[in-house]
Amino acid sequence: MRQRQFLSGARIYLRNLERSDVEGNYGYWLNDPEVCRFNAHHRFPYAKGDLADYIEGLRGTHDRLVLAIIDREGDQHVGNISLQSMDPLERSAEFAIVIGEKSAWGKGFSKEAARLILDHGFGALNLHRVYCGTSSENIPMQKLALAMGFSLEGRRREALYKNFGYLDILEYGLLRCEWQAASTREASSS
């Protein structure tokens, strides 16, 4: 499967989403209330046709990079990661990730995938700033953002309606110079 790899890590690799992903578990993730408990999905049901249209719509776009996270062991599609809403003038993008396969939760795949795509974003795409927002209840995403060097920049009060209530969205940001400094520290401690 080496020809399909776009970014390569030790335990995972990232590749384009493919039409064949629609036939796998991908569609189930977006319809699973537990997988989607902290994001804006699971409001309307997703059908295979919706996912196929979404994947087809990614072809040839340069304002978003959406990649499948593949566990090398078993070559299994376990999640998606993206840099989206890329702004060429501001040189910024929004970071998003979902690990849909529950068997892959807690294995560190999010950190490995985040390192790969952030390194690509700052190094190859010449981004200056990457940002993300997450529910105030999404502790795993908050931990991931902090582990990647993001700084908490603000709070949008009651901005997400989920499960019969409004939740705050915490906003995080990461500058290229911060990413480079953190990467240098990490490399020197290895």
Protein backbone atom coordinates (compact mmCIF):
# COMPACT_ATOMS: atom_id res chain seq x y z
CA MET A 1 0.00 0.00 0.00
CA ARG A 2 3.05 2.25 -0.01
CA GLN A 3 1.96 3.98 -3.24
CA ARG A 4 -1.17 5.32 -1.48
CA GLN A 5 0.72 6.91 1.41
CA PHE A 6 0.88 10.67 1.43
CA LEU A 7 2.44 11.24 4.87
CA SER A 8 4.12 8.43 6.73
CA GLY A 9 4.58 7.80 10.45
CA ALA A 10 5.81 4.90 12.55
CA ARG A 11 2.43 3.29 13.31
CA ILE A 12 0.13 5.10 10.92
CA TYR A 13 0.15 6.75 7.54
CA LEU A 14 -2.09 9.37 5.99
CA ARG A 15 -3.59 9.07 2.51
CA ASN A 16 -6.35 10.60 0.41
CA LEU A 17 -9.87 9.54 1.19
CA GLU A 18 -10.94 7.03 -1.44
CA ARG A 19 -14.31 6.04 -2.79
CA SER A 20 -13.74 2.56 -1.34
CA ASP A 21 -13.74 4.13 2.17
CA VAL A 22 -17.50 4.57 1.78
CA GLU A 23 -17.86 0.78 1.87
CA GLY A 24 -15.93 0.54 5.16
CA ASN A 25 -16.83 1.79 8.63
CA TYR A 26 -16.42 5.48 7.74
CA GLY A 27 -20.17 6.02 7.33
CA TYR A 28 -20.91 4.41 10.66
CA TRP A 29 -18.66 6.86 12.53
CA LEU A 30 -20.72 9.89 11.53
CA ASN A 31 -23.92 8.13 12.58
CA ASP A 32 -22.52 6.98 15.93
CA PRO A 33 -23.54 9.26 18.82
CA GLU A 34 -20.54 8.20 20.91
CA VAL A 35 -18.00 8.96 18.16
CA CYS A 36 -19.72 12.30 17.46
CA ARG A 37 -20.53 13.34 21.02
CA PHE A 38 -18.17 16.35 20.89
CA ASN A 39 -18.56 17.49 17.28
CA ALA A 40 -21.24 18.89 15.00
CA HIS A 41 -21.97 15.56 13.28
CA HIS A 42 -24.80 13.21 14.21
CA ARG A 43 -27.51 15.78 13.66
CA PHE A 44 -28.76 14.30 10.43
CA PRO A 45 -28.11 10.74 9.21
CA TYR A 46 -25.30 10.20 6.72
CA ALA A 47 -25.82 7.86 3.77
CA LYS A 48 -23.18 6.26 1.58
CA GLY A 49 -24.12 8.64 -1.23
CA ASP A 50 -23.44 11.66 1.02
CA LEU A 51 -19.97 10.37 1.82
CA ALA A 52 -19.24 9.50 -1.80
CA ASP A 53 -20.24 13.04 -2.84
CA TYR A 54 -18.05 14.50 -0.08
CA ILE A 55 -15.02 12.45 -1.15
CA GLU A 56 -15.59 13.36 -4.80
CA GLY A 57 -15.82 17.04 -3.81
CA LEU A 58 -12.33 16.89 -2.30
CA ARG A 59 -10.71 16.16 -5.66
CA GLY A 60 -8.63 19.02 -6.96
CA THR A 61 -9.37 21.36 -4.05
CA HIS A 62 -6.58 23.45 -2.56
CA ASP A 63 -8.50 25.08 0.28
CA ARG A 64 -8.59 21.92 2.40
CA LEU A 65 -6.50 18.84 2.91
CA VAL A 66 -8.55 15.93 4.25
CA LEU A 67 -6.71 12.67 4.80
CA ALA A 68 -7.56 9.20 6.04
CA ILE A 69 -5.63 7.95 9.07
CA ILE A 70 -4.54 4.37 8.40
CA ASP A 71 -3.31 2.00 11.10
CA ARG A 72 -0.37 0.17 9.53
CA GLU A 73 -1.29 -2.98 11.46
CA GLY A 74 -4.08 -4.37 9.33
CA ASP A 75 -4.05 -1.38 6.94
CA GLN A 76 -7.27 -0.15 8.61
CA HIS A 77 -8.91 3.25 8.11
CA VAL A 78 -9.35 4.45 11.72
CA GLY A 79 -10.07 8.15 11.33
CA ASN A 80 -9.71 11.36 9.35
CA ILE A 81 -7.59 14.44 9.85
CA SER A 82 -7.67 17.76 8.04
CA LEU A 83 -6.37 21.22 7.51
CA GLN A 84 -9.45 23.03 6.19
CA SER A 85 -10.62 26.56 5.46
CA MET A 86 -7.11 27.34 4.21
CA ASP A 87 -6.66 31.05 3.64
CA PRO A 88 -3.76 31.86 1.26
CA LEU A 89 -3.62 35.52 2.26
CA GLU A 90 -3.55 34.95 6.00
CA ARG A 91 -1.68 31.64 5.54
CA SER A 92 -3.95 29.98 8.10
CA ALA A 93 -5.98 26.78 8.32
CA GLU A 94 -8.33 25.04 10.71
CA PHE A 95 -7.18 21.71 12.18
CA ALA A 96 -9.74 18.92 12.71
CA ILE A 97 -9.52 15.23 13.55
CA VAL A 98 -11.81 12.30 14.28
CA ILE A 99 -10.81 8.81 15.33
CA GLY A 100 -13.89 6.88 14.36
CA GLU A 101 -12.77 3.34 15.13
CA LYS A 102 -13.30 2.91 18.86
CA SER A 103 -10.70 0.12 18.92
CA ALA A 104 -8.14 2.81 17.95
CA TRP A 105 -9.01 5.16 20.83
CA GLY A 106 -6.26 5.76 23.38
CA LYS A 107 -3.47 4.38 21.20
CA GLY A 108 -1.75 7.68 20.40
CA PHE A 109 -2.80 7.72 16.74
CA SER A 110 -4.18 11.26 17.11
CA LYS A 111 -0.82 12.62 18.25
CA GLU A 112 1.09 10.87 15.51
CA ALA A 113 -1.36 11.99 12.82
CA ALA A 114 -1.43 15.56 14.18
CA ARG A 115 2.37 15.77 14.10
CA LEU A 116 2.42 14.58 10.49
CA ILE A 117 -0.22 16.99 9.19
CA LEU A 118 1.01 19.99 11.21
CA ASP A 119 4.57 19.43 10.01
CA HIS A 120 3.24 19.25 6.46
CA GLY A 121 1.07 22.33 6.95
CA PHE A 122 3.88 24.51 8.26
CA GLY A 123 6.64 23.00 6.11
CA ALA A 124 5.05 22.21 2.74
CA LEU A 125 1.96 24.42 2.68
CA ASN A 126 3.75 27.47 4.13
CA LEU A 127 1.09 28.06 6.78
CA HIS A 128 1.74 30.71 9.38
CA ARG A 129 -1.08 29.80 11.80
CA VAL A 130 -3.24 26.76 12.50
CA TYR A 131 -6.30 26.97 14.73
CA CYS A 132 -8.97 24.68 16.07
CA GLY A 133 -12.08 24.87 18.19
CA THR A 134 -13.54 22.18 20.40
CA SER A 135 -16.36 21.63 22.83
CA SER A 136 -15.60 22.56 26.42
CA GLU A 137 -16.43 18.93 27.25
CA ASN A 138 -13.98 17.43 24.74
CA ILE A 139 -11.07 16.79 27.10
CA PRO A 140 -9.19 14.47 24.68
CA MET A 141 -9.10 17.19 21.98
CA GLN A 142 -8.05 19.82 24.51
CA LYS A 143 -5.19 17.56 25.63
CA LEU A 144 -4.18 16.93 22.01
CA ALA A 145 -4.16 20.65 21.20
CA LEU A 146 -1.96 21.41 24.21
CA ALA A 147 0.34 18.46 23.47
CA MET A 148 0.86 19.84 19.94
CA GLY A 149 1.78 23.26 21.32
CA PHE A 150 -1.49 25.10 20.66
CA SER A 151 -2.35 27.94 23.03
CA LEU A 152 -5.83 28.51 24.40
CA GLU A 153 -6.91 31.78 22.78
CA GLY A 154 -10.51 32.17 23.78
CA ARG A 155 -13.96 30.82 24.44
CA ARG A 156 -17.12 31.15 22.38
CA ARG A 157 -19.85 30.95 24.99
CA GLU A 158 -22.74 28.55 24.36
CA ALA A 159 -21.78 28.27 20.69
CA LEU A 160 -22.49 24.56 20.21
CA TYR A 161 -25.86 22.94 20.78
CA LYS A 162 -25.45 19.27 21.64
CA ASN A 163 -27.56 16.79 23.61
CA PHE A 164 -30.23 19.18 24.88
CA GLY A 165 -27.84 21.92 25.94
CA TYR A 166 -25.46 24.63 24.83
CA LEU A 167 -21.73 24.18 25.25
CA ASP A 168 -18.84 26.60 25.02
CA ILE A 169 -16.30 26.17 22.24
CA LEU A 170 -12.67 26.60 23.27
CA GLU A 171 -10.47 28.18 20.60
CA TYR A 172 -6.81 27.20 20.20
CA GLY A 173 -4.08 28.57 17.93
CA LEU A 174 -0.56 27.56 16.93
CA LEU A 175 1.99 29.69 15.07
CA ARG A 176 4.71 28.28 12.84
CA CYS A 177 7.46 29.61 15.12
CA GLU A 178 5.87 27.85 18.10
CA TRP A 179 5.63 24.59 16.14
CA GLN A 180 9.27 24.86 15.07
CA ALA A 181 10.42 25.54 18.65
CA ALA A 182 8.41 22.61 20.01
CA SER A 183 9.69 20.31 17.23
CA THR A 184 13.28 21.33 17.94
CA ARG A 185 12.82 20.65 21.68
CA GLU A 186 11.24 17.27 20.93
CA ALA A 187 14.05 16.30 18.54
CA SER A 188 16.77 17.26 21.02
CA SER A 189 15.14 15.27 23.83
CA SER A 190 14.94 12.12 21.66
